């Protein structure tokens, strides 16, 4: 690759993703069960039809954690059971390794390094702002353990550790 092409490619990558002007964007402030701020989530529709989800975490213990969208936009601590089960459509099983999986709200595990801060980005097909912003809303959940990507109904990912309700960005 020529030096000019490389510089152009690097400039495009540094600029970040390009979103349509009318793309729906939803955000959530994440907190633990004692209401301590632990990060943010932003979900933006893309022109391709996929949802771009950006998760930023801070002050989280080192480890591997299951990440999911839950069916109800309600984060009442300390256990966050108010968020209900995983966001799923009829006929879906949990986990990318399940024959009828994954749930539409299943995401890859988040690997938090020793410093407790990380930013990850995912693209989720078939997930639109209309599904997230239904009558009872949607919550983002970080669980206390890794998701095994197959166990029903929730990947054996353990307790609910962080929660945030996705809402229209202001």
N, C-alpha and C. Protein backbone atom coordinates (compact mmCIF):
# COMPACT_ATOMS: atom_id res chain seq x y z
N UNK A 1 0.86 -1.17 0.00
CA UNK A 1 0.00 0.00 0.00
C UNK A 1 0.90 1.23 0.00
N UNK A 2 0.55 2.21 -0.80
CA UNK A 2 1.36 3.43 -0.86
C UNK A 2 1.21 4.22 0.43
N UNK A 3 2.16 5.11 0.64
CA UNK A 3 2.14 5.94 1.84
C UNK A 3 0.89 6.81 1.89
N UNK A 4 0.44 7.35 0.74
CA UNK A 4 -0.75 8.21 0.67
C UNK A 4 -2.00 7.40 1.01
N UNK A 5 -2.14 6.20 0.46
CA UNK A 5 -3.30 5.36 0.76
C UNK A 5 -3.33 4.99 2.24
N UNK A 6 -2.17 4.68 2.80
CA UNK A 6 -2.09 4.33 4.21
C UNK A 6 -2.52 5.50 5.08
N UNK A 7 -2.04 6.71 4.75
CA UNK A 7 -2.40 7.90 5.53
C UNK A 7 -3.90 8.17 5.44
N UNK A 8 -4.48 7.98 4.24
CA UNK A 8 -5.92 8.19 4.07
C UNK A 8 -6.71 7.18 4.89
N UNK A 9 -6.31 5.93 4.84
CA UNK A 9 -6.98 4.88 5.61
C UNK A 9 -6.89 5.17 7.10
N UNK A 10 -5.72 5.57 7.58
CA UNK A 10 -5.57 5.88 9.00
C UNK A 10 -6.46 7.06 9.40
N UNK A 11 -6.58 8.06 8.54
CA UNK A 11 -7.43 9.22 8.84
C UNK A 11 -8.89 8.80 8.93
N UNK A 12 -9.32 7.92 8.03
CA UNK A 12 -10.70 7.43 8.07
C UNK A 12 -10.94 6.65 9.35
N UNK A 13 -10.01 5.76 9.71
CA UNK A 13 -10.17 4.97 10.93
C UNK A 13 -10.17 5.86 12.17
N UNK A 14 -9.34 6.89 12.19
CA UNK A 14 -9.27 7.78 13.35
C UNK A 14 -10.54 8.60 13.50
N UNK A 15 -11.22 8.86 12.40
CA UNK A 15 -12.44 9.67 12.45
C UNK A 15 -13.58 8.92 13.13
N UNK A 16 -13.51 7.61 13.18
CA UNK A 16 -14.56 6.83 13.82
C UNK A 16 -15.66 6.49 12.86
N UNK A 17 -16.69 5.78 13.34
CA UNK A 17 -17.76 5.33 12.46
C UNK A 17 -18.59 6.50 11.95
N UNK A 18 -19.03 6.36 10.72
CA UNK A 18 -19.89 7.38 10.12
C UNK A 18 -21.33 6.94 10.29
N UNK A 19 -22.17 7.76 10.88
CA UNK A 19 -23.57 7.45 11.12
C UNK A 19 -24.44 8.37 10.30
N UNK A 20 -25.58 7.88 9.89
CA UNK A 20 -26.53 8.71 9.16
C UNK A 20 -27.03 9.82 10.08
N UNK A 21 -27.35 10.96 9.50
CA UNK A 21 -27.79 12.11 10.30
C UNK A 21 -29.04 11.82 11.10
N UNK A 22 -29.90 10.93 10.59
CA UNK A 22 -31.15 10.65 11.28
C UNK A 22 -31.11 9.35 12.09
N UNK A 23 -29.91 8.83 12.36
CA UNK A 23 -29.79 7.59 13.13
C UNK A 23 -30.27 7.79 14.56
N UNK A 24 -31.04 6.82 15.04
CA UNK A 24 -31.49 6.86 16.43
C UNK A 24 -30.32 6.50 17.33
N UNK A 25 -30.16 7.22 18.42
CA UNK A 25 -29.09 6.96 19.37
C UNK A 25 -29.68 6.90 20.77
N UNK A 26 -29.32 5.85 21.49
CA UNK A 26 -29.80 5.64 22.85
C UNK A 26 -28.60 5.51 23.77
N UNK A 27 -28.70 6.03 24.99
CA UNK A 27 -27.59 5.94 25.93
C UNK A 27 -28.09 5.43 27.28
N UNK A 28 -27.14 4.91 28.06
CA UNK A 28 -27.43 4.47 29.43
C UNK A 28 -26.23 4.77 30.31
N UNK A 29 -26.49 5.28 31.50
CA UNK A 29 -25.46 5.40 32.53
C UNK A 29 -25.49 4.12 33.34
N UNK A 30 -24.34 3.47 33.49
CA UNK A 30 -24.26 2.21 34.21
C UNK A 30 -23.88 2.44 35.66
N UNK A 31 -24.54 1.70 36.55
CA UNK A 31 -24.25 1.80 37.98
C UNK A 31 -24.29 0.40 38.59
N UNK A 32 -23.58 0.25 39.70
CA UNK A 32 -23.64 -1.02 40.43
C UNK A 32 -24.84 -1.00 41.38
N UNK A 33 -25.00 -2.04 42.16
CA UNK A 33 -26.15 -2.18 43.06
C UNK A 33 -26.22 -1.16 44.17
N UNK A 34 -25.12 -0.44 44.41
CA UNK A 34 -25.10 0.63 45.41
C UNK A 34 -25.18 2.00 44.75
N UNK A 35 -25.52 2.02 43.45
CA UNK A 35 -25.70 3.24 42.66
C UNK A 35 -24.40 4.01 42.41
N UNK A 36 -23.26 3.31 42.40
CA UNK A 36 -21.99 3.92 42.05
C UNK A 36 -21.82 3.89 40.54
N UNK A 37 -21.48 5.03 39.94
CA UNK A 37 -21.30 5.11 38.49
C UNK A 37 -20.14 4.21 38.06
N UNK A 38 -20.38 3.43 36.98
CA UNK A 38 -19.36 2.50 36.49
C UNK A 38 -19.17 2.56 34.98
N UNK A 39 -19.87 3.49 34.29
CA UNK A 39 -19.65 3.61 32.86
C UNK A 39 -20.89 4.01 32.11
N UNK A 40 -20.81 3.83 30.78
CA UNK A 40 -21.91 4.20 29.90
C UNK A 40 -22.04 3.18 28.77
N UNK A 41 -23.22 3.19 28.16
CA UNK A 41 -23.48 2.41 26.95
C UNK A 41 -24.16 3.34 25.96
N UNK A 42 -23.77 3.26 24.70
CA UNK A 42 -24.44 4.01 23.65
C UNK A 42 -24.79 3.03 22.54
N UNK A 43 -26.03 3.06 22.10
CA UNK A 43 -26.51 2.21 21.01
C UNK A 43 -27.02 3.11 19.89
N UNK A 44 -26.46 2.94 18.69
CA UNK A 44 -26.81 3.79 17.56
C UNK A 44 -27.15 2.92 16.35
N UNK A 45 -28.28 3.21 15.72
CA UNK A 45 -28.62 2.51 14.49
C UNK A 45 -27.66 2.94 13.39
N UNK A 46 -27.28 2.00 12.54
CA UNK A 46 -26.38 2.29 11.43
C UNK A 46 -27.14 2.17 10.11
N UNK A 47 -26.62 2.77 9.05
CA UNK A 47 -27.27 2.66 7.75
C UNK A 47 -27.37 1.21 7.25
N UNK A 48 -26.50 0.32 7.75
CA UNK A 48 -26.52 -1.09 7.33
C UNK A 48 -27.65 -1.86 7.98
N UNK A 49 -28.30 -1.26 8.99
CA UNK A 49 -29.36 -1.96 9.70
C UNK A 49 -28.89 -2.63 10.99
N UNK A 50 -27.60 -2.63 11.25
CA UNK A 50 -27.09 -3.19 12.50
C UNK A 50 -27.06 -2.10 13.56
N UNK A 51 -27.15 -2.51 14.82
CA UNK A 51 -27.04 -1.59 15.93
C UNK A 51 -25.57 -1.56 16.36
N UNK A 52 -24.99 -0.38 16.45
CA UNK A 52 -23.62 -0.20 16.93
C UNK A 52 -23.71 0.08 18.42
N UNK A 53 -23.15 -0.80 19.24
CA UNK A 53 -23.20 -0.66 20.70
C UNK A 53 -21.79 -0.42 21.22
N UNK A 54 -21.62 0.70 21.92
CA UNK A 54 -20.32 1.06 22.50
C UNK A 54 -20.47 1.05 24.02
N UNK A 55 -19.63 0.25 24.67
CA UNK A 55 -19.67 0.10 26.13
C UNK A 55 -18.37 0.64 26.70
N UNK A 56 -18.49 1.59 27.64
CA UNK A 56 -17.32 2.13 28.32
C UNK A 56 -17.47 1.84 29.80
N UNK A 57 -16.49 1.15 30.37
CA UNK A 57 -16.53 0.78 31.79
C UNK A 57 -15.36 1.41 32.53
N UNK A 58 -15.58 1.70 33.81
CA UNK A 58 -14.51 2.21 34.68
C UNK A 58 -14.71 1.64 36.08
N UNK A 59 -13.61 1.47 36.79
CA UNK A 59 -13.64 0.98 38.18
C UNK A 59 -14.39 -0.34 38.32
N UNK A 60 -14.16 -1.26 37.36
CA UNK A 60 -14.76 -2.59 37.39
C UNK A 60 -13.63 -3.58 37.68
N UNK A 61 -13.83 -4.54 38.58
CA UNK A 61 -12.76 -5.51 38.87
C UNK A 61 -12.34 -6.27 37.61
N UNK A 62 -11.06 -6.61 37.55
CA UNK A 62 -10.55 -7.39 36.43
C UNK A 62 -11.33 -8.69 36.32
N UNK A 63 -11.69 -9.08 35.10
CA UNK A 63 -12.40 -10.33 34.90
C UNK A 63 -13.11 -10.38 33.58
N UNK A 64 -13.84 -11.48 33.37
CA UNK A 64 -14.61 -11.69 32.15
C UNK A 64 -16.08 -11.73 32.55
N UNK A 65 -16.89 -10.91 31.89
CA UNK A 65 -18.28 -10.72 32.30
C UNK A 65 -19.25 -10.86 31.13
N UNK A 66 -20.38 -11.50 31.40
CA UNK A 66 -21.45 -11.59 30.42
C UNK A 66 -22.13 -10.24 30.25
N UNK A 67 -22.44 -9.89 29.00
CA UNK A 67 -23.11 -8.63 28.68
C UNK A 67 -24.37 -8.93 27.90
N UNK A 68 -25.48 -8.36 28.34
CA UNK A 68 -26.76 -8.62 27.68
C UNK A 68 -27.65 -7.39 27.71
N UNK A 69 -28.60 -7.36 26.80
CA UNK A 69 -29.70 -6.42 26.88
C UNK A 69 -30.85 -7.16 27.52
N UNK A 70 -31.49 -6.54 28.52
CA UNK A 70 -32.61 -7.17 29.23
C UNK A 70 -33.93 -6.52 28.81
N UNK A 71 -35.00 -7.28 28.94
CA UNK A 71 -36.30 -6.94 28.35
C UNK A 71 -37.02 -5.76 28.97
N UNK A 72 -36.64 -5.32 30.16
CA UNK A 72 -37.35 -4.23 30.83
C UNK A 72 -36.38 -3.13 31.23
N UNK A 73 -36.70 -1.91 30.90
CA UNK A 73 -35.86 -0.76 31.23
C UNK A 73 -36.08 -0.29 32.65
N UNK A 74 -35.68 -1.11 33.60
CA UNK A 74 -35.83 -0.77 35.02
C UNK A 74 -34.66 -1.39 35.78
N UNK A 75 -33.88 -0.56 36.45
CA UNK A 75 -32.68 -1.01 37.16
C UNK A 75 -32.79 -0.70 38.64
N UNK A 76 -33.57 -1.49 39.36
CA UNK A 76 -33.71 -1.31 40.80
C UNK A 76 -32.70 -2.22 41.50
N UNK A 77 -31.74 -1.58 42.19
CA UNK A 77 -30.70 -2.31 42.91
C UNK A 77 -31.22 -2.82 44.23
N UNK A 78 -30.50 -3.68 44.88
CA UNK A 78 -29.14 -4.03 44.49
C UNK A 78 -29.04 -5.20 43.50
N UNK A 79 -30.14 -5.94 43.24
CA UNK A 79 -30.02 -7.16 42.42
C UNK A 79 -30.45 -6.99 40.97
N UNK A 80 -31.09 -5.89 40.62
CA UNK A 80 -31.52 -5.56 39.25
C UNK A 80 -32.47 -6.60 38.64
N UNK A 81 -33.16 -7.37 39.46
CA UNK A 81 -34.13 -8.35 38.94
C UNK A 81 -35.26 -7.64 38.20
N UNK A 82 -35.46 -6.36 38.48
CA UNK A 82 -36.51 -5.57 37.84
C UNK A 82 -36.34 -5.48 36.33
N UNK A 83 -35.15 -5.77 35.82
CA UNK A 83 -34.88 -5.69 34.38
C UNK A 83 -35.40 -6.92 33.62
N UNK A 84 -35.91 -7.91 34.33
CA UNK A 84 -36.45 -9.10 33.66
C UNK A 84 -35.37 -9.93 33.01
N UNK A 85 -35.80 -10.78 32.07
CA UNK A 85 -34.87 -11.67 31.36
C UNK A 85 -34.22 -10.98 30.19
N UNK A 86 -33.48 -11.77 29.43
CA UNK A 86 -32.79 -11.23 28.26
C UNK A 86 -33.79 -10.79 27.19
N UNK A 87 -33.44 -9.76 26.46
CA UNK A 87 -34.22 -9.32 25.32
C UNK A 87 -34.14 -10.43 24.28
N UNK A 88 -35.29 -11.01 23.94
CA UNK A 88 -35.33 -12.13 23.01
C UNK A 88 -36.60 -12.08 22.18
N UNK A 89 -36.53 -12.67 21.01
CA UNK A 89 -37.70 -12.80 20.16
C UNK A 89 -38.18 -14.25 20.22
N UNK A 90 -39.42 -14.49 19.84
CA UNK A 90 -39.99 -15.84 19.88
C UNK A 90 -39.08 -16.84 19.18
N UNK A 91 -38.88 -17.98 19.82
CA UNK A 91 -38.12 -19.07 19.23
C UNK A 91 -36.62 -18.99 19.43
N UNK A 92 -36.13 -17.91 20.06
CA UNK A 92 -34.70 -17.78 20.27
C UNK A 92 -34.28 -18.44 21.58
N UNK A 93 -33.16 -19.15 21.54
CA UNK A 93 -32.53 -19.67 22.75
C UNK A 93 -31.35 -18.77 23.08
N UNK A 94 -30.86 -18.88 24.31
CA UNK A 94 -29.72 -18.08 24.71
C UNK A 94 -28.43 -18.65 24.12
N UNK A 95 -27.55 -17.77 23.71
CA UNK A 95 -26.18 -18.12 23.37
C UNK A 95 -25.92 -18.38 21.91
N UNK A 96 -24.80 -17.88 21.46
CA UNK A 96 -24.38 -18.05 20.08
C UNK A 96 -24.03 -19.51 19.80
N UNK A 97 -23.75 -20.31 20.83
CA UNK A 97 -23.43 -21.73 20.63
C UNK A 97 -24.66 -22.62 20.67
N UNK A 98 -25.84 -22.06 20.97
CA UNK A 98 -27.08 -22.82 20.99
C UNK A 98 -27.66 -22.91 19.58
N UNK A 99 -28.26 -24.04 19.25
CA UNK A 99 -28.78 -24.25 17.90
C UNK A 99 -29.79 -23.19 17.48
N UNK A 100 -30.67 -22.76 18.39
CA UNK A 100 -31.66 -21.73 18.07
C UNK A 100 -31.27 -20.38 18.64
N UNK A 101 -30.00 -20.17 18.89
CA UNK A 101 -29.52 -18.92 19.46
C UNK A 101 -28.96 -18.01 18.41
N UNK A 102 -28.55 -16.86 18.83
CA UNK A 102 -28.63 -16.31 20.17
C UNK A 102 -29.88 -15.45 20.35
N UNK A 103 -30.14 -15.06 21.63
CA UNK A 103 -31.14 -14.02 21.86
C UNK A 103 -30.67 -12.77 21.13
N UNK A 104 -31.58 -11.93 20.73
CA UNK A 104 -31.20 -10.67 20.09
C UNK A 104 -30.41 -9.78 21.06
N UNK A 105 -30.60 -9.96 22.36
CA UNK A 105 -29.89 -9.16 23.36
C UNK A 105 -28.59 -9.78 23.86
N UNK A 106 -28.17 -10.92 23.30
CA UNK A 106 -26.90 -11.54 23.71
C UNK A 106 -25.74 -10.82 23.04
N UNK A 107 -24.71 -10.53 23.82
CA UNK A 107 -23.49 -9.91 23.30
C UNK A 107 -22.29 -10.74 23.73
N UNK A 108 -21.14 -10.52 23.09
CA UNK A 108 -19.93 -11.22 23.53
C UNK A 108 -19.55 -10.80 24.95
N UNK A 109 -18.79 -11.66 25.63
CA UNK A 109 -18.29 -11.34 26.96
C UNK A 109 -17.38 -10.12 26.90
N UNK A 110 -17.33 -9.38 28.01
CA UNK A 110 -16.45 -8.22 28.14
C UNK A 110 -15.27 -8.64 29.02
N UNK A 111 -14.06 -8.45 28.51
CA UNK A 111 -12.83 -8.80 29.23
C UNK A 111 -12.23 -7.53 29.82
N UNK A 112 -12.40 -7.33 31.11
CA UNK A 112 -11.93 -6.12 31.77
C UNK A 112 -10.50 -6.35 32.25
N UNK A 113 -9.56 -5.46 31.86
CA UNK A 113 -8.17 -5.61 32.28
C UNK A 113 -7.95 -5.19 33.73
N UNK A 114 -6.74 -5.37 34.18
CA UNK A 114 -6.37 -5.09 35.57
C UNK A 114 -6.68 -3.66 36.01
N UNK A 115 -6.58 -2.68 35.09
CA UNK A 115 -6.84 -1.29 35.48
C UNK A 115 -8.32 -0.96 35.63
N UNK A 116 -9.20 -1.91 35.30
CA UNK A 116 -10.64 -1.73 35.53
C UNK A 116 -11.37 -0.86 34.55
N UNK A 117 -10.70 -0.45 33.46
CA UNK A 117 -11.34 0.42 32.46
C UNK A 117 -11.22 -0.21 31.08
N UNK A 118 -12.31 -0.14 30.31
CA UNK A 118 -12.28 -0.70 28.96
C UNK A 118 -13.38 -0.06 28.12
N UNK A 119 -13.12 0.03 26.83
CA UNK A 119 -14.14 0.42 25.86
C UNK A 119 -14.21 -0.68 24.82
N UNK A 120 -15.41 -1.18 24.57
CA UNK A 120 -15.62 -2.20 23.54
C UNK A 120 -16.77 -1.76 22.66
N UNK A 121 -16.75 -2.24 21.42
CA UNK A 121 -17.81 -1.91 20.47
C UNK A 121 -18.28 -3.19 19.79
N UNK A 122 -19.61 -3.32 19.65
CA UNK A 122 -20.21 -4.48 19.01
C UNK A 122 -21.21 -4.01 17.97
N UNK A 123 -21.44 -4.86 16.99
CA UNK A 123 -22.51 -4.65 16.01
C UNK A 123 -23.51 -5.77 16.21
N UNK A 124 -24.78 -5.42 16.42
CA UNK A 124 -25.83 -6.40 16.67
C UNK A 124 -26.83 -6.36 15.52
N UNK A 125 -26.93 -7.46 14.76
CA UNK A 125 -27.90 -7.49 13.66
C UNK A 125 -29.33 -7.59 14.19
N UNK A 126 -30.27 -7.12 13.40
CA UNK A 126 -31.70 -7.25 13.66
C UNK A 126 -32.18 -6.53 14.92
N UNK A 127 -31.37 -5.67 15.49
CA UNK A 127 -31.76 -4.92 16.68
C UNK A 127 -31.93 -3.47 16.30
N UNK A 128 -33.14 -2.95 16.43
CA UNK A 128 -33.39 -1.56 16.10
C UNK A 128 -33.82 -0.77 17.31
N UNK A 129 -33.74 0.55 17.21
CA UNK A 129 -34.14 1.42 18.31
C UNK A 129 -35.60 1.20 18.69
N UNK A 130 -36.43 0.80 17.71
CA UNK A 130 -37.84 0.55 18.01
C UNK A 130 -38.01 -0.62 18.98
N UNK A 131 -37.16 -1.64 18.87
CA UNK A 131 -37.23 -2.79 19.78
C UNK A 131 -36.72 -2.42 21.18
N UNK A 132 -35.67 -1.60 21.23
CA UNK A 132 -35.12 -1.17 22.51
C UNK A 132 -36.06 -0.20 23.21
N UNK A 133 -36.71 0.67 22.44
CA UNK A 133 -37.55 1.72 23.00
C UNK A 133 -39.03 1.34 23.04
N UNK A 134 -39.33 0.07 23.22
CA UNK A 134 -40.74 -0.34 23.31
C UNK A 134 -41.36 0.21 24.60
N UNK A 135 -42.59 -0.14 24.88
CA UNK A 135 -43.33 0.45 26.01
C UNK A 135 -42.64 0.33 27.37
N UNK A 136 -41.94 -0.79 27.60
CA UNK A 136 -41.29 -0.94 28.91
C UNK A 136 -39.78 -0.75 28.86
N UNK A 137 -39.24 -0.32 27.73
CA UNK A 137 -37.82 0.00 27.62
C UNK A 137 -36.92 -1.23 27.64
N UNK A 138 -35.61 -0.97 27.71
CA UNK A 138 -34.59 -2.01 27.70
C UNK A 138 -33.46 -1.59 28.62
N UNK A 139 -32.89 -2.57 29.33
CA UNK A 139 -31.74 -2.31 30.19
C UNK A 139 -30.52 -3.05 29.66
N UNK A 140 -29.35 -2.43 29.81
CA UNK A 140 -28.09 -3.10 29.56
C UNK A 140 -27.64 -3.69 30.89
N UNK A 141 -27.14 -4.93 30.86
CA UNK A 141 -26.72 -5.60 32.09
C UNK A 141 -25.33 -6.20 31.91
N UNK A 142 -24.47 -5.99 32.89
CA UNK A 142 -23.19 -6.68 32.97
C UNK A 142 -23.29 -7.63 34.15
N UNK A 143 -23.08 -8.91 33.88
CA UNK A 143 -23.20 -9.94 34.92
C UNK A 143 -21.87 -10.15 35.63
N UNK A 144 -21.90 -10.84 36.76
CA UNK A 144 -20.73 -11.02 37.61
C UNK A 144 -19.79 -12.12 37.15
N UNK A 145 -20.17 -12.88 36.13
CA UNK A 145 -19.33 -13.97 35.61
C UNK A 145 -19.39 -13.97 34.09
N UNK A 146 -18.52 -14.76 33.50
CA UNK A 146 -18.53 -14.92 32.05
C UNK A 146 -19.78 -15.68 31.61
N UNK A 147 -20.28 -15.36 30.45
CA UNK A 147 -21.38 -16.09 29.82
C UNK A 147 -20.77 -17.29 29.11
N UNK A 148 -21.30 -18.49 29.35
CA UNK A 148 -20.76 -19.68 28.68
C UNK A 148 -21.29 -19.84 27.26
N UNK A 149 -22.14 -18.93 26.83
CA UNK A 149 -22.66 -18.83 25.47
C UNK A 149 -23.59 -19.96 25.05
N UNK A 150 -24.03 -20.77 26.02
CA UNK A 150 -24.91 -21.88 25.65
C UNK A 150 -25.96 -22.25 26.69
N UNK A 151 -25.66 -22.13 27.99
CA UNK A 151 -26.60 -22.56 29.04
C UNK A 151 -27.89 -21.74 28.97
N UNK A 152 -29.00 -22.42 29.22
CA UNK A 152 -30.32 -21.77 29.18
C UNK A 152 -30.77 -21.44 30.60
N UNK A 153 -31.40 -20.33 30.83
CA UNK A 153 -31.80 -19.33 29.84
C UNK A 153 -30.84 -18.16 29.72
N UNK A 154 -29.73 -18.15 30.51
CA UNK A 154 -28.93 -16.91 30.55
C UNK A 154 -27.42 -17.11 30.52
N UNK A 155 -26.94 -18.26 30.10
CA UNK A 155 -25.51 -18.44 29.94
C UNK A 155 -24.74 -18.66 31.22
N UNK A 156 -25.45 -18.94 32.33
CA UNK A 156 -24.80 -19.18 33.61
C UNK A 156 -23.83 -18.05 33.96
N UNK A 157 -24.25 -16.81 33.67
CA UNK A 157 -23.38 -15.64 33.83
C UNK A 157 -23.43 -15.03 35.23
N UNK A 158 -24.18 -15.64 36.14
CA UNK A 158 -24.16 -15.19 37.52
C UNK A 158 -25.02 -13.97 37.80
N UNK A 159 -24.77 -13.39 38.98
CA UNK A 159 -25.54 -12.24 39.44
C UNK A 159 -25.44 -11.06 38.48
N UNK A 160 -26.35 -10.14 38.65
CA UNK A 160 -26.37 -8.92 37.85
C UNK A 160 -25.52 -7.88 38.58
N UNK A 161 -24.48 -7.39 37.92
CA UNK A 161 -23.47 -6.55 38.57
C UNK A 161 -23.65 -5.06 38.26
N UNK A 162 -23.88 -4.73 36.98
CA UNK A 162 -24.07 -3.34 36.57
C UNK A 162 -25.32 -3.26 35.70
N UNK A 163 -26.03 -2.13 35.80
CA UNK A 163 -27.26 -1.98 35.03
C UNK A 163 -27.41 -0.53 34.60
N UNK A 164 -28.03 -0.34 33.44
CA UNK A 164 -28.36 0.99 32.94
C UNK A 164 -29.53 0.91 31.98
N UNK A 165 -30.43 1.88 32.04
CA UNK A 165 -31.61 1.91 31.17
C UNK A 165 -31.27 2.73 29.92
N UNK A 166 -31.47 2.11 28.76
CA UNK A 166 -31.22 2.81 27.50
C UNK A 166 -32.36 3.78 27.20
N UNK A 167 -32.03 5.01 26.91
CA UNK A 167 -33.01 6.05 26.61
C UNK A 167 -32.45 6.95 25.52
N UNK A 168 -33.33 7.70 24.85
CA UNK A 168 -32.90 8.59 23.78
C UNK A 168 -31.84 9.56 24.31
N UNK A 169 -30.78 9.70 23.51
CA UNK A 169 -29.72 10.65 23.86
C UNK A 169 -30.25 12.07 23.74
N UNK A 170 -29.82 12.92 24.67
CA UNK A 170 -30.31 14.31 24.62
C UNK A 170 -29.30 15.21 23.94
